[in-house]
Amino acid sequence: MRTLAFVAAIALLVPVVPVAAQRSTGPAPAPALPGSSVVGPSLGRASDAIRDGRRSGQLSRGEAKRARRERGQIDTLADRYSADGYLSDSERREIDTRAEVLRATVNAERLRGDTRRR
């Protein structure tokens, strides 16, 4: 009889555990504005660095093409993340981090000073 009471008590608690695990302690995800890019200014800075590097001859055509392709991938990822209308803090951080890495990579390529480019 005690075993049956113990099993019944456990069975009553099982549905409560998943509900309790879903509680959020942080703020709600930030809403993404429909029709607008959710990518922060860091992706804009990366685009500026690509454009300026190509115009000044500090980036080869291939380097600029690779960087633009990466920028497009980051923008696509941002669109996918915000498709539900919200962008979580971790999603926003990932997009911003990828954009900053791209900008830093482009700037490093520009400063490398390789004279055989054009």
PDB file of N, CA and C in Angstrom:
ATOM      1  N   MET A   1       0.814  -1.190   0.000  1.00  0.00           N
ATOM      2  CA  MET A   1       0.000   0.000   0.000  1.00  0.00           C
ATOM      3  C   MET A   1       0.862   1.261   0.000  1.00  0.00           C
ATOM      4  N   ARG A   2       1.951   1.230   0.801  1.00  0.00           N
ATOM      5  CA  ARG A   2       2.843   2.395   0.833  1.00  0.00           C
ATOM      6  C   ARG A   2       3.467   2.643  -0.538  1.00  0.00           C
ATOM      7  N   THR A   3       3.823   1.591  -1.246  1.00  0.00           N
ATOM      8  CA  THR A   3       4.422   1.728  -2.569  1.00  0.00           C
ATOM      9  C   THR A   3       3.453   2.391  -3.526  1.00  0.00           C
ATOM     10  N   LEU A   4       2.197   1.988  -3.461  1.00  0.00           N
ATOM     11  CA  LEU A   4       1.184   2.575  -4.323  1.00  0.00           C
ATOM     12  C   LEU A   4       1.002   4.061  -4.015  1.00  0.00           C
ATOM     13  N   ALA A   5       1.007   4.441  -2.758  1.00  0.00           N
ATOM     14  CA  ALA A   5       0.883   5.847  -2.374  1.00  0.00           C
ATOM     15  C   ALA A   5       2.101   6.643  -2.842  1.00  0.00           C
ATOM     16  N   PHE A   6       3.277   6.040  -2.755  1.00  0.00           N
ATOM     17  CA  PHE A   6       4.504   6.711  -3.190  1.00  0.00           C
ATOM     18  C   PHE A   6       4.479   6.936  -4.704  1.00  0.00           C
ATOM     19  N   VAL A   7       4.092   5.927  -5.470  1.00  0.00           N
ATOM     20  CA  VAL A   7       4.006   6.037  -6.929  1.00  0.00           C
ATOM     21  C   VAL A   7       2.962   7.087  -7.309  1.00  0.00           C
ATOM     22  N   ALA A   8       1.850   7.127  -6.601  1.00  0.00           N
ATOM     23  CA  ALA A   8       0.808   8.111  -6.893  1.00  0.00           C
ATOM     24  C   ALA A   8       1.319   9.531  -6.621  1.00  0.00           C
ATOM     25  N   ALA A   9       2.085   9.699  -5.546  1.00  0.00           N
ATOM     26  CA  ALA A   9       2.636  11.022  -5.234  1.00  0.00           C
ATOM     27  C   ALA A   9       3.625  11.467  -6.305  1.00  0.00           C
ATOM     28  N   ILE A  10       4.457  10.547  -6.766  1.00  0.00           N
ATOM     29  CA  ILE A  10       5.416  10.860  -7.834  1.00  0.00           C
ATOM     30  C   ILE A  10       4.670  11.229  -9.111  1.00  0.00           C
ATOM     31  N   ALA A  11       3.632  10.477  -9.440  1.00  0.00           N
ATOM     32  CA  ALA A  11       2.857  10.734 -10.655  1.00  0.00           C
ATOM     33  C   ALA A  11       2.215  12.122 -10.622  1.00  0.00           C
ATOM     34  N   LEU A  12       1.846  12.586  -9.456  1.00  0.00           N
ATOM     35  CA  LEU A  12       1.253  13.919  -9.339  1.00  0.00           C
ATOM     36  C   LEU A  12       2.296  15.018  -9.534  1.00  0.00           C
ATOM     37  N   LEU A  13       3.542  14.752  -9.172  1.00  0.00           N
ATOM     38  CA  LEU A  13       4.598  15.751  -9.279  1.00  0.00           C
ATOM     39  C   LEU A  13       5.206  15.833 -10.678  1.00  0.00           C
ATOM     40  N   VAL A  14       5.160  14.780 -11.448  1.00  0.00           N
ATOM     41  CA  VAL A  14       5.811  14.743 -12.761  1.00  0.00           C
ATOM     42  C   VAL A  14       5.314  15.854 -13.681  1.00  0.00           C
ATOM     43  N   PRO A  15       4.024  16.106 -13.814  1.00  0.00           N
ATOM     44  CA  PRO A  15       3.606  17.189 -14.710  1.00  0.00           C
ATOM     45  C   PRO A  15       4.051  18.571 -14.240  1.00  0.00           C
ATOM     46  N   VAL A  16       4.336  18.757 -12.980  1.00  0.00           N
ATOM     47  CA  VAL A  16       4.722  20.060 -12.448  1.00  0.00           C
ATOM     48  C   VAL A  16       6.169  20.399 -12.800  1.00  0.00           C
ATOM     49  N   VAL A  17       7.030  19.413 -12.883  1.00  0.00           N
ATOM     50  CA  VAL A  17       8.455  19.652 -13.114  1.00  0.00           C
ATOM     51  C   VAL A  17       8.716  20.359 -14.437  1.00  0.00           C
ATOM     52  N   PRO A  18       8.161  19.891 -15.583  1.00  0.00           N
ATOM     53  CA  PRO A  18       8.436  20.619 -16.829  1.00  0.00           C
ATOM     54  C   PRO A  18       7.911  22.050 -16.827  1.00  0.00           C
ATOM     55  N   VAL A  19       6.785  22.281 -16.185  1.00  0.00           N
ATOM     56  CA  VAL A  19       6.233  23.633 -16.133  1.00  0.00           C
ATOM     57  C   VAL A  19       7.150  24.542 -15.320  1.00  0.00           C
ATOM     58  N   ALA A  20       7.660  24.050 -14.219  1.00  0.00           N
ATOM     59  CA  ALA A  20       8.552  24.847 -13.381  1.00  0.00           C
ATOM     60  C   ALA A  20       9.861  25.125 -14.100  1.00  0.00           C
ATOM     61  N   ALA A  21      10.315  24.209 -14.926  1.00  0.00           N
ATOM     62  CA  ALA A  21      11.578  24.391 -15.644  1.00  0.00           C
ATOM     63  C   ALA A  21      11.454  25.431 -16.745  1.00  0.00           C
ATOM     64  N   GLN A  22      10.252  25.756 -17.163  1.00  0.00           N
ATOM     65  CA  GLN A  22      10.061  26.700 -18.257  1.00  0.00           C
ATOM     66  C   GLN A  22       9.957  28.145 -17.787  1.00  0.00           C
ATOM     67  N   ARG A  23       9.967  28.379 -16.529  1.00  0.00           N
ATOM     68  CA  ARG A  23       9.893  29.750 -16.039  1.00  0.00           C
ATOM     69  C   ARG A  23      11.106  30.536 -16.484  1.00  0.00           C
ATOM     70  N   SER A  24      10.887  31.720 -16.891  1.00  0.00           N
ATOM     71  CA  SER A  24      11.967  32.585 -17.339  1.00  0.00           C
ATOM     72  C   SER A  24      12.298  33.578 -16.238  1.00  0.00           C
ATOM     73  N   THR A  25      13.572  33.700 -15.945  1.00  0.00           N
ATOM     74  CA  THR A  25      13.972  34.678 -14.942  1.00  0.00           C
ATOM     75  C   THR A  25      14.469  35.962 -15.587  1.00  0.00           C
ATOM     76  N   GLY A  26      14.757  35.906 -16.878  1.00  0.00           N
ATOM     77  CA  GLY A  26      15.281  37.077 -17.571  1.00  0.00           C
ATOM     78  C   GLY A  26      14.183  37.848 -18.268  1.00  0.00           C
ATOM     79  N   PRO A  27      14.568  38.938 -18.913  1.00  0.00           N
ATOM     80  CA  PRO A  27      13.582  39.743 -19.629  1.00  0.00           C
ATOM     81  C   PRO A  27      13.090  39.020 -20.875  1.00  0.00           C
ATOM     82  N   ALA A  28      11.957  39.436 -21.351  1.00  0.00           N
ATOM     83  CA  ALA A  28      11.400  38.850 -22.569  1.00  0.00           C
ATOM     84  C   ALA A  28      12.296  39.210 -23.753  1.00  0.00           C
ATOM     85  N   PRO A  29      12.309  38.367 -24.779  1.00  0.00           N
ATOM     86  CA  PRO A  29      13.127  38.678 -25.942  1.00  0.00           C
ATOM     87  C   PRO A  29      12.700  39.988 -26.587  1.00  0.00           C
ATOM     88  N   ALA A  30      13.656  40.665 -27.165  1.00  0.00           N
ATOM     89  CA  ALA A  30      13.370  41.947 -27.794  1.00  0.00           C
ATOM     90  C   ALA A  30      12.585  41.726 -29.079  1.00  0.00           C
ATOM     91  N   PRO A  31      11.548  42.511 -29.307  1.00  0.00           N
ATOM     92  CA  PRO A  31      10.798  42.350 -30.548  1.00  0.00           C
ATOM     93  C   PRO A  31      11.621  42.813 -31.739  1.00  0.00           C
ATOM     94  N   ALA A  32      11.494  42.088 -32.808  1.00  0.00           N
ATOM     95  CA  ALA A  32      12.156  42.470 -34.051  1.00  0.00           C
ATOM     96  C   ALA A  32      11.146  43.262 -34.875  1.00  0.00           C
ATOM     97  N   LEU A  33      11.572  44.347 -35.417  1.00  0.00           N
ATOM     98  CA  LEU A  33      10.661  45.170 -36.206  1.00  0.00           C
ATOM     99  C   LEU A  33      10.440  44.527 -37.567  1.00  0.00           C
ATOM    100  N   PRO A  34       9.209  44.354 -37.969  1.00  0.00           N
ATOM    101  CA  PRO A  34       8.947  43.729 -39.261  1.00  0.00           C
ATOM    102  C   PRO A  34       9.522  44.555 -40.404  1.00  0.00           C
ATOM    103  N   GLY A  35      10.144  43.868 -41.344  1.00  0.00           N
ATOM    104  CA  GLY A  35      10.667  44.533 -42.523  1.00  0.00           C
ATOM    105  C   GLY A  35      11.967  45.276 -42.312  1.00  0.00           C
ATOM    106  N   SER A  36      12.545  45.208 -41.123  1.00  0.00           N
ATOM    107  CA  SER A  36      13.804  45.902 -40.900  1.00  0.00           C
ATOM    108  C   SER A  36      14.865  44.902 -40.484  1.00  0.00           C
ATOM    109  N   SER A  37      16.077  45.255 -40.750  1.00  0.00           N
ATOM    110  CA  SER A  37      17.178  44.398 -40.360  1.00  0.00           C
ATOM    111  C   SER A  37      17.379  44.515 -38.860  1.00  0.00           C
ATOM    112  N   VAL A  38      17.593  43.390 -38.205  1.00  0.00           N
ATOM    113  CA  VAL A  38      17.788  43.394 -36.766  1.00  0.00           C
ATOM    114  C   VAL A  38      19.265  43.440 -36.420  1.00  0.00           C
ATOM    115  N   VAL A  39      20.083  43.489 -37.448  1.00  0.00           N
ATOM    116  CA  VAL A  39      21.516  43.496 -37.234  1.00  0.00           C
ATOM    117  C   VAL A  39      21.937  44.879 -36.754  1.00  0.00           C
ATOM    118  N   GLY A  40      22.757  44.903 -35.752  1.00  0.00           N
ATOM    119  CA  GLY A  40      23.199  46.154 -35.163  1.00  0.00           C
ATOM    120  C   GLY A  40      24.165  46.917 -36.035  1.00  0.00           C
ATOM    121  N   PRO A  41      24.661  48.002 -35.499  1.00  0.00           N
ATOM    122  CA  PRO A  41      25.580  48.847 -36.259  1.00  0.00           C
ATOM    123  C   PRO A  41      26.903  48.159 -36.575  1.00  0.00           C
ATOM    124  N   SER A  42      27.227  47.067 -35.895  1.00  0.00           N
ATOM    125  CA  SER A  42      28.495  46.392 -36.161  1.00  0.00           C
ATOM    126  C   SER A  42      28.543  45.840 -37.582  1.00  0.00           C
ATOM    127  N   LEU A  43      27.419  45.379 -38.120  1.00  0.00           N
ATOM    128  CA  LEU A  43      27.411  44.885 -39.498  1.00  0.00           C
ATOM    129  C   LEU A  43      27.553  46.042 -40.476  1.00  0.00           C
ATOM    130  N   GLY A  44      27.007  47.181 -40.130  1.00  0.00           N
ATOM    131  CA  GLY A  44      27.198  48.369 -40.960  1.00  0.00           C
ATOM    132  C   GLY A  44      28.656  48.804 -40.992  1.00  0.00           C
ATOM    133  N   ARG A  45      29.332  48.703 -39.839  1.00  0.00           N
ATOM    134  CA  ARG A  45      30.759  49.035 -39.797  1.00  0.00           C
ATOM    135  C   ARG A  45      31.578  48.052 -40.624  1.00  0.00           C
ATOM    136  N   ALA A  46      31.176  46.794 -40.631  1.00  0.00           N
ATOM    137  CA  ALA A  46      31.875  45.793 -41.444  1.00  0.00           C
ATOM    138  C   ALA A  46      31.694  46.113 -42.928  1.00  0.00           C
ATOM    139  N   SER A  47      30.490  46.498 -43.317  1.00  0.00           N
ATOM    140  CA  SER A  47      30.228  46.865 -44.712  1.00  0.00           C
ATOM    141  C   SER A  47      31.052  48.083 -45.116  1.00  0.00           C
ATOM    142  N   ASP A  48      31.146  49.053 -44.211  1.00  0.00           N
ATOM    143  CA  ASP A  48      31.957  50.242 -44.489  1.00  0.00           C
ATOM    144  C   ASP A  48      33.423  49.873 -44.675  1.00  0.00           C
ATOM    145  N   ALA A  49      33.925  48.975 -43.836  1.00  0.00           N
ATOM    146  CA  ALA A  49      35.326  48.557 -43.924  1.00  0.00           C
ATOM    147  C   ALA A  49      35.588  47.832 -45.239  1.00  0.00           C
ATOM    148  N   ILE A  50      34.650  47.012 -45.684  1.00  0.00           N
ATOM    149  CA  ILE A  50      34.801  46.305 -46.964  1.00  0.00           C
ATOM    150  C   ILE A  50      34.834  47.315 -48.101  1.00  0.00           C
ATOM    151  N   ARG A  51      33.870  48.220 -48.113  1.00  0.00           N
ATOM    152  CA  ARG A  51      33.791  49.222 -49.181  1.00  0.00           C
ATOM    153  C   ARG A  51      35.048  50.099 -49.224  1.00  0.00           C
ATOM    154  N   ASP A  52      35.442  50.594 -48.052  1.00  0.00           N
ATOM    155  CA  ASP A  52      36.613  51.468 -47.995  1.00  0.00           C
ATOM    156  C   ASP A  52      37.887  50.726 -48.383  1.00  0.00           C
ATOM    157  N   GLY A  53      38.007  49.476 -47.966  1.00  0.00           N
ATOM    158  CA  GLY A  53      39.186  48.680 -48.305  1.00  0.00           C
ATOM    159  C   GLY A  53      39.290  48.410 -49.785  1.00  0.00           C
ATOM    160  N   ARG A  54      38.177  48.149 -50.413  1.00  0.00           N
ATOM    161  CA  ARG A  54      38.181  47.898 -51.859  1.00  0.00           C
ATOM    162  C   ARG A  54      38.476  49.177 -52.632  1.00  0.00           C
ATOM    163  N   ARG A  55      37.859  50.279 -52.218  1.00  0.00           N
ATOM    164  CA  ARG A  55      38.085  51.552 -52.915  1.00  0.00           C
ATOM    165  C   ARG A  55      39.536  52.019 -52.824  1.00  0.00           C
ATOM    166  N   SER A  56      40.155  51.783 -51.668  1.00  0.00           N
ATOM    167  CA  SER A  56      41.532  52.237 -51.482  1.00  0.00           C
ATOM    168  C   SER A  56      42.557  51.251 -52.035  1.00  0.00           C
ATOM    169  N   GLY A  57      42.104  50.086 -52.471  1.00  0.00           N
ATOM    170  CA  GLY A  57      43.021  49.089 -52.997  1.00  0.00           C
ATOM    171  C   GLY A  57      43.670  48.231 -51.914  1.00  0.00           C
ATOM    172  N   GLN A  58      43.232  48.389 -50.673  1.00  0.00           N
ATOM    173  CA  GLN A  58      43.790  47.597 -49.577  1.00  0.00           C
ATOM    174  C   GLN A  58      43.223  46.192 -49.547  1.00  0.00           C
ATOM    175  N   LEU A  59      42.093  45.973 -50.214  1.00  0.00           N
ATOM    176  CA  LEU A  59      41.501  44.642 -50.327  1.00  0.00           C
ATOM    177  C   LEU A  59      41.462  44.248 -51.794  1.00  0.00           C
ATOM    178  N   SER A  60      41.813  43.008 -52.070  1.00  0.00           N
ATOM    179  CA  SER A  60      41.698  42.507 -53.439  1.00  0.00           C
ATOM    180  C   SER A  60      40.223  42.261 -53.751  1.00  0.00           C
ATOM    181  N   ARG A  61      39.935  42.056 -54.997  1.00  0.00           N
ATOM    182  CA  ARG A  61      38.565  41.775 -55.412  1.00  0.00           C
ATOM    183  C   ARG A  61      38.061  40.497 -54.725  1.00  0.00           C
ATOM    184  N   GLY A  62      38.907  39.488 -54.659  1.00  0.00           N
ATOM    185  CA  GLY A  62      38.525  38.220 -54.025  1.00  0.00           C
ATOM    186  C   GLY A  62      38.283  38.367 -52.531  1.00  0.00           C
ATOM    187  N   GLU A  63      39.125  39.152 -51.858  1.00  0.00           N
ATOM    188  CA  GLU A  63      38.940  39.375 -50.418  1.00  0.00           C
ATOM    189  C   GLU A  63      37.625  40.099 -50.147  1.00  0.00           C
ATOM    190  N   ALA A  64      37.338  41.099 -50.969  1.00  0.00           N
ATOM    191  CA  ALA A  64      36.091  41.847 -50.797  1.00  0.00           C
ATOM    192  C   ALA A  64      34.887  40.951 -51.079  1.00  0.00           C
ATOM    193  N   LYS A  65      35.002  40.106 -52.096  1.00  0.00           N
ATOM    194  CA  LYS A  65      33.904  39.202 -52.433  1.00  0.00           C
ATOM    195  C   LYS A  65      33.648  38.218 -51.296  1.00  0.00           C
ATOM    196  N   ARG A  66      34.706  37.658 -50.713  1.00  0.00           N
ATOM    197  CA  ARG A  66      34.564  36.736 -49.595  1.00  0.00           C
ATOM    198  C   ARG A  66      33.915  37.429 -48.406  1.00  0.00           C
ATOM    199  N   ALA A  67      34.356  38.656 -48.125  1.00  0.00           N
ATOM    200  CA  ALA A  67      33.813  39.406 -46.993  1.00  0.00           C
ATOM    201  C   ALA A  67      32.335  39.755 -47.214  1.00  0.00           C
ATOM    202  N   ARG A  68      31.973  40.121 -48.435  1.00  0.00           N
ATOM    203  CA  ARG A  68      30.564  40.422 -48.734  1.00  0.00           C
ATOM    204  C   ARG A  68      29.698  39.174 -48.615  1.00  0.00           C
ATOM    205  N   ARG A  69      30.254  38.034 -49.025  1.00  0.00           N
ATOM    206  CA  ARG A  69      29.508  36.782 -48.894  1.00  0.00           C
ATOM    207  C   ARG A  69      29.258  36.472 -47.411  1.00  0.00           C
ATOM    208  N   GLU A  70      30.283  36.656 -46.579  1.00  0.00           N
ATOM    209  CA  GLU A  70      30.131  36.435 -45.142  1.00  0.00           C
ATOM    210  C   GLU A  70      29.112  37.412 -44.554  1.00  0.00           C
ATOM    211  N   ARG A  71      29.132  38.650 -45.004  1.00  0.00           N
ATOM    212  CA  ARG A  71      28.160  39.633 -44.535  1.00  0.00           C
ATOM    213  C   ARG A  71      26.748  39.196 -44.883  1.00  0.00           C
ATOM    214  N   GLY A  72      26.562  38.666 -46.082  1.00  0.00           N
ATOM    215  CA  GLY A  72      25.253  38.160 -46.493  1.00  0.00           C
ATOM    216  C   GLY A  72      24.797  36.993 -45.636  1.00  0.00           C
ATOM    217  N   GLN A  73      25.737  36.122 -45.265  1.00  0.00           N
ATOM    218  CA  GLN A  73      25.393  34.988 -44.412  1.00  0.00           C
ATOM    219  C   GLN A  73      24.951  35.466 -43.026  1.00  0.00           C
ATOM    220  N   ILE A  74      25.613  36.476 -42.512  1.00  0.00           N
ATOM    221  CA  ILE A  74      25.228  37.022 -41.210  1.00  0.00           C
ATOM    222  C   ILE A  74      23.842  37.655 -41.299  1.00  0.00           C
ATOM    223  N   ASP A  75      23.578  38.366 -42.371  1.00  0.00           N
ATOM    224  CA  ASP A  75      22.272  38.991 -42.558  1.00  0.00           C
ATOM    225  C   ASP A  75      21.172  37.939 -42.694  1.00  0.00           C
ATOM    226  N   THR A  76      21.459  36.856 -43.416  1.00  0.00           N
ATOM    227  CA  THR A  76      20.499  35.759 -43.553  1.00  0.00           C
ATOM    228  C   THR A  76      20.217  35.112 -42.203  1.00  0.00           C
ATOM    229  N   LEU A  77      21.263  34.925 -41.413  1.00  0.00           N
ATOM    230  CA  LEU A  77      21.093  34.351 -40.078  1.00  0.00           C
ATOM    231  C   LEU A  77      20.222  35.258 -39.211  1.00  0.00           C
ATOM    232  N   ALA A  78      20.452  36.544 -39.294  1.00  0.00           N
ATOM    233  CA  ALA A  78      19.646  37.501 -38.524  1.00  0.00           C
ATOM    234  C   ALA A  78      18.186  37.435 -38.945  1.00  0.00           C
ATOM    235  N   ASP A  79      17.937  37.326 -40.238  1.00  0.00           N
ATOM    236  CA  ASP A  79      16.557  37.221 -40.720  1.00  0.00           C
ATOM    237  C   ASP A  79      15.899  35.939 -40.225  1.00  0.00           C
ATOM    238  N   ARG A  80      16.658  34.845 -40.235  1.00  0.00           N
ATOM    239  CA  ARG A  80      16.116  33.561 -39.770  1.00  0.00           C
ATOM    240  C   ARG A  80      15.801  33.622 -38.279  1.00  0.00           C
ATOM    241  N   TYR A  81      16.724  34.208 -37.508  1.00  0.00           N
ATOM    242  CA  TYR A  81      16.502  34.311 -36.065  1.00  0.00           C
ATOM    243  C   TYR A  81      15.286  35.175 -35.739  1.00  0.00           C
ATOM    244  N   SER A  82      15.056  36.204 -36.517  1.00  0.00           N
ATOM    245  CA  SER A  82      13.974  37.133 -36.194  1.00  0.00           C
ATOM    246  C   SER A  82      12.680  36.807 -36.932  1.00  0.00           C
ATOM    247  N   ALA A  83      12.603  35.673 -37.578  1.00  0.00           N
ATOM    248  CA  ALA A  83      11.411  35.311 -38.343  1.00  0.00           C
ATOM    249  C   ALA A  83      10.164  35.225 -37.472  1.00  0.00           C
ATOM    250  N   ASP A  84      10.343  34.883 -36.200  1.00  0.00           N
ATOM    251  CA  ASP A  84       9.186  34.778 -35.310  1.00  0.00           C
ATOM    252  C   ASP A  84       8.806  36.118 -34.687  1.00  0.00           C
ATOM    253  N   GLY A  85       9.512  37.162 -35.049  1.00  0.00           N
ATOM    254  CA  GLY A  85       9.189  38.485 -34.534  1.00  0.00           C
ATOM    255  C   GLY A  85       9.981  38.878 -33.303  1.00  0.00           C
ATOM    256  N   TYR A  86      10.793  37.972 -32.785  1.00  0.00           N
ATOM    257  CA  TYR A  86      11.591  38.249 -31.593  1.00  0.00           C
ATOM    258  C   TYR A  86      13.028  37.810 -31.802  1.00  0.00           C
ATOM    259  N   LEU A  87      13.915  38.486 -31.112  1.00  0.00           N
ATOM    260  CA  LEU A  87      15.333  38.163 -31.167  1.00  0.00           C
ATOM    261  C   LEU A  87      15.816  38.059 -29.727  1.00  0.00           C
ATOM    262  N   SER A  88      16.226  36.867 -29.337  1.00  0.00           N
ATOM    263  CA  SER A  88      16.674  36.680 -27.960  1.00  0.00           C
ATOM    264  C   SER A  88      18.025  37.366 -27.759  1.00  0.00           C
ATOM    265  N   ASP A  89      18.402  37.544 -26.512  1.00  0.00           N
ATOM    266  CA  ASP A  89      19.690  38.168 -26.211  1.00  0.00           C
ATOM    267  C   ASP A  89      20.838  37.356 -26.786  1.00  0.00           C
ATOM    268  N   SER A  90      20.762  36.037 -26.693  1.00  0.00           N
ATOM    269  CA  SER A  90      21.847  35.205 -27.207  1.00  0.00           C
ATOM    270  C   SER A  90      21.920  35.274 -28.728  1.00  0.00           C
ATOM    271  N   GLU A  91      20.775  35.350 -29.394  1.00  0.00           N
ATOM    272  CA  GLU A  91      20.773  35.482 -30.851  1.00  0.00           C
ATOM    273  C   GLU A  91      21.373  36.826 -31.266  1.00  0.00           C
ATOM    274  N   ARG A  92      20.984  37.872 -30.561  1.00  0.00           N
ATOM    275  CA  ARG A  92      21.520  39.194 -30.874  1.00  0.00           C
ATOM    276  C   ARG A  92      23.027  39.242 -30.639  1.00  0.00           C
ATOM    277  N   ARG A  93      23.480  38.628 -29.545  1.00  0.00           N
ATOM    278  CA  ARG A  93      24.924  38.589 -29.267  1.00  0.00           C
ATOM    279  C   ARG A  93      25.677  37.824 -30.344  1.00  0.00           C
ATOM    280  N   GLU A  94      25.107  36.704 -30.805  1.00  0.00           N
ATOM    281  CA  GLU A  94      25.773  35.920 -31.847  1.00  0.00           C
ATOM    282  C   GLU A  94      25.916  36.727 -33.133  1.00  0.00           C
ATOM    283  N   ILE A  95      24.860  37.399 -33.521  1.00  0.00           N
ATOM    284  CA  ILE A  95      24.906  38.201 -34.744  1.00  0.00           C
ATOM    285  C   ILE A  95      25.921  39.329 -34.603  1.00  0.00           C
ATOM    286  N   ASP A  96      25.879  40.039 -33.478  1.00  0.00           N
ATOM    287  CA  ASP A  96      26.818  41.137 -33.264  1.00  0.00           C
ATOM    288  C   ASP A  96      28.258  40.637 -33.213  1.00  0.00           C
ATOM    289  N   THR A  97      28.481  39.487 -32.579  1.00  0.00           N
ATOM    290  CA  THR A  97      29.833  38.929 -32.493  1.00  0.00           C
ATOM    291  C   THR A  97      30.348  38.543 -33.871  1.00  0.00           C
ATOM    292  N   ARG A  98      29.511  37.884 -34.669  1.00  0.00           N
ATOM    293  CA  ARG A  98      29.932  37.507 -36.019  1.00  0.00           C
ATOM    294  C   ARG A  98      30.249  38.748 -36.862  1.00  0.00           C
ATOM    295  N   ALA A  99      29.443  39.781 -36.710  1.00  0.00           N
ATOM    296  CA  ALA A  99      29.689  41.012 -37.469  1.00  0.00           C
ATOM    297  C   ALA A  99      30.989  41.675 -37.020  1.00  0.00           C
ATOM    298  N   GLU A 100      31.264  41.685 -35.733  1.00  0.00           N
ATOM    299  CA  GLU A 100      32.509  42.273 -35.240  1.00  0.00           C
ATOM    300  C   GLU A 100      33.727  41.475 -35.687  1.00  0.00           C
ATOM    301  N   VAL A 101      33.603  40.157 -35.711  1.00  0.00           N
ATOM    302  CA  VAL A 101      34.706  39.317 -36.203  1.00  0.00           C
ATOM    303  C   VAL A 101      34.954  39.604 -37.672  1.00  0.00           C
ATOM    304  N   LEU A 102      33.897  39.737 -38.454  1.00  0.00           N
ATOM    305  CA  LEU A 102      34.050  40.068 -39.869  1.00  0.00           C
ATOM    306  C   LEU A 102      34.750  41.416 -40.030  1.00  0.00           C
ATOM    307  N   ARG A 103      34.298  42.413 -39.276  1.00  0.00           N
ATOM    308  CA  ARG A 103      34.915  43.741 -39.372  1.00  0.00           C
ATOM    309  C   ARG A 103      36.395  43.682 -39.009  1.00  0.00           C
ATOM    310  N   ALA A 104      36.716  42.978 -37.941  1.00  0.00           N
ATOM    311  CA  ALA A 104      38.108  42.875 -37.507  1.00  0.00           C
ATOM    312  C   ALA A 104      38.957  42.138 -38.544  1.00  0.00           C
ATOM    313  N   THR A 105      38.399  41.105 -39.149  1.00  0.00           N
ATOM    314  CA  THR A 105      39.124  40.357 -40.180  1.00  0.00           C
ATOM    315  C   THR A 105      39.394  41.233 -41.395  1.00  0.00           C
ATOM    316  N   VAL A 106      38.382  41.967 -41.814  1.00  0.00           N
ATOM    317  CA  VAL A 106      38.549  42.863 -42.966  1.00  0.00           C
ATOM    318  C   VAL A 106      39.598  43.922 -42.660  1.00  0.00           C
ATOM    319  N   ASN A 107      39.539  44.516 -41.478  1.00  0.00           N
ATOM    320  CA  ASN A 107      40.525  45.535 -41.118  1.00  0.00           C
ATOM    321  C   ASN A 107      41.931  44.946 -41.040  1.00  0.00           C
ATOM    322  N   ALA A 108      42.062  43.719 -40.551  1.00  0.00           N
ATOM    323  CA  ALA A 108      43.375  43.069 -40.503  1.00  0.00           C
ATOM    324  C   ALA A 108      43.901  42.827 -41.911  1.00  0.00           C
ATOM    325  N   GLU A 109      43.043  42.404 -42.821  1.00  0.00           N
ATOM    326  CA  GLU A 109      43.454  42.211 -44.211  1.00  0.00           C
ATOM    327  C   GLU A 109      43.863  43.534 -44.841  1.00  0.00           C
ATOM    328  N   ARG A 110      43.162  44.596 -44.499  1.00  0.00           N
ATOM    329  CA  ARG A 110      43.504  45.912 -45.051  1.00  0.00           C
ATOM    330  C   ARG A 110      44.853  46.387 -44.549  1.00  0.00           C
ATOM    331  N   LEU A 111      45.162  46.110 -43.300  1.00  0.00           N
ATOM    332  CA  LEU A 111      46.411  46.594 -42.709  1.00  0.00           C
ATOM    333  C   LEU A 111      47.611  45.720 -43.026  1.00  0.00           C
ATOM    334  N   ARG A 112      47.368  44.568 -43.599  1.00  0.00           N
ATOM    335  CA  ARG A 112      48.455  43.639 -43.881  1.00  0.00           C
ATOM    336  C   ARG A 112      49.482  44.243 -44.824  1.00  0.00           C
ATOM    337  N   GLY A 113      49.045  45.103 -45.711  1.00  0.00           N
ATOM    338  CA  GLY A 113      49.964  45.838 -46.565  1.00  0.00           C
ATOM    339  C   GLY A 113      50.547  45.031 -47.703  1.00  0.00           C
ATOM    340  N   ASP A 114      49.838  44.053 -48.218  1.00  0.00           N
ATOM    341  CA  ASP A 114      50.320  43.245 -49.327  1.00  0.00           C
ATOM    342  C   ASP A 114      50.255  44.070 -50.607  1.00  0.00           C
ATOM    343  N   THR A 115      51.384  44.271 -51.272  1.00  0.00           N
ATOM    344  CA  THR A 115      51.438  45.154 -52.435  1.00  0.00           C
ATOM    345  C   THR A 115      51.024  44.468 -53.733  1.00  0.00           C
ATOM    346  N   ARG A 116      50.820  43.173 -53.752  1.00  0.00           N
ATOM    347  CA  ARG A 116      50.449  42.492 -54.990  1.00  0.00           C
ATOM    348  C   ARG A 116      48.943  42.486 -55.229  1.00  0.00           C
ATOM    349  N   ARG A 117      48.167  43.223 -54.488  1.00  0.00           N
ATOM    350  CA  ARG A 117      46.711  43.270 -54.657  1.00  0.00           C
ATOM    351  C   ARG A 117      46.319  44.219 -55.770  1.00  0.00           C
ATOM    352  N   ARG A 118      45.133  44.064 -56.197  1.00  0.00           N
ATOM    353  CA  ARG A 118      44.432  44.990 -57.104  1.00  0.00           C
ATOM    354  C   ARG A 118      43.270  44.313 -57.660  1.00  0.00           C
TER     355      ARG A 118
END
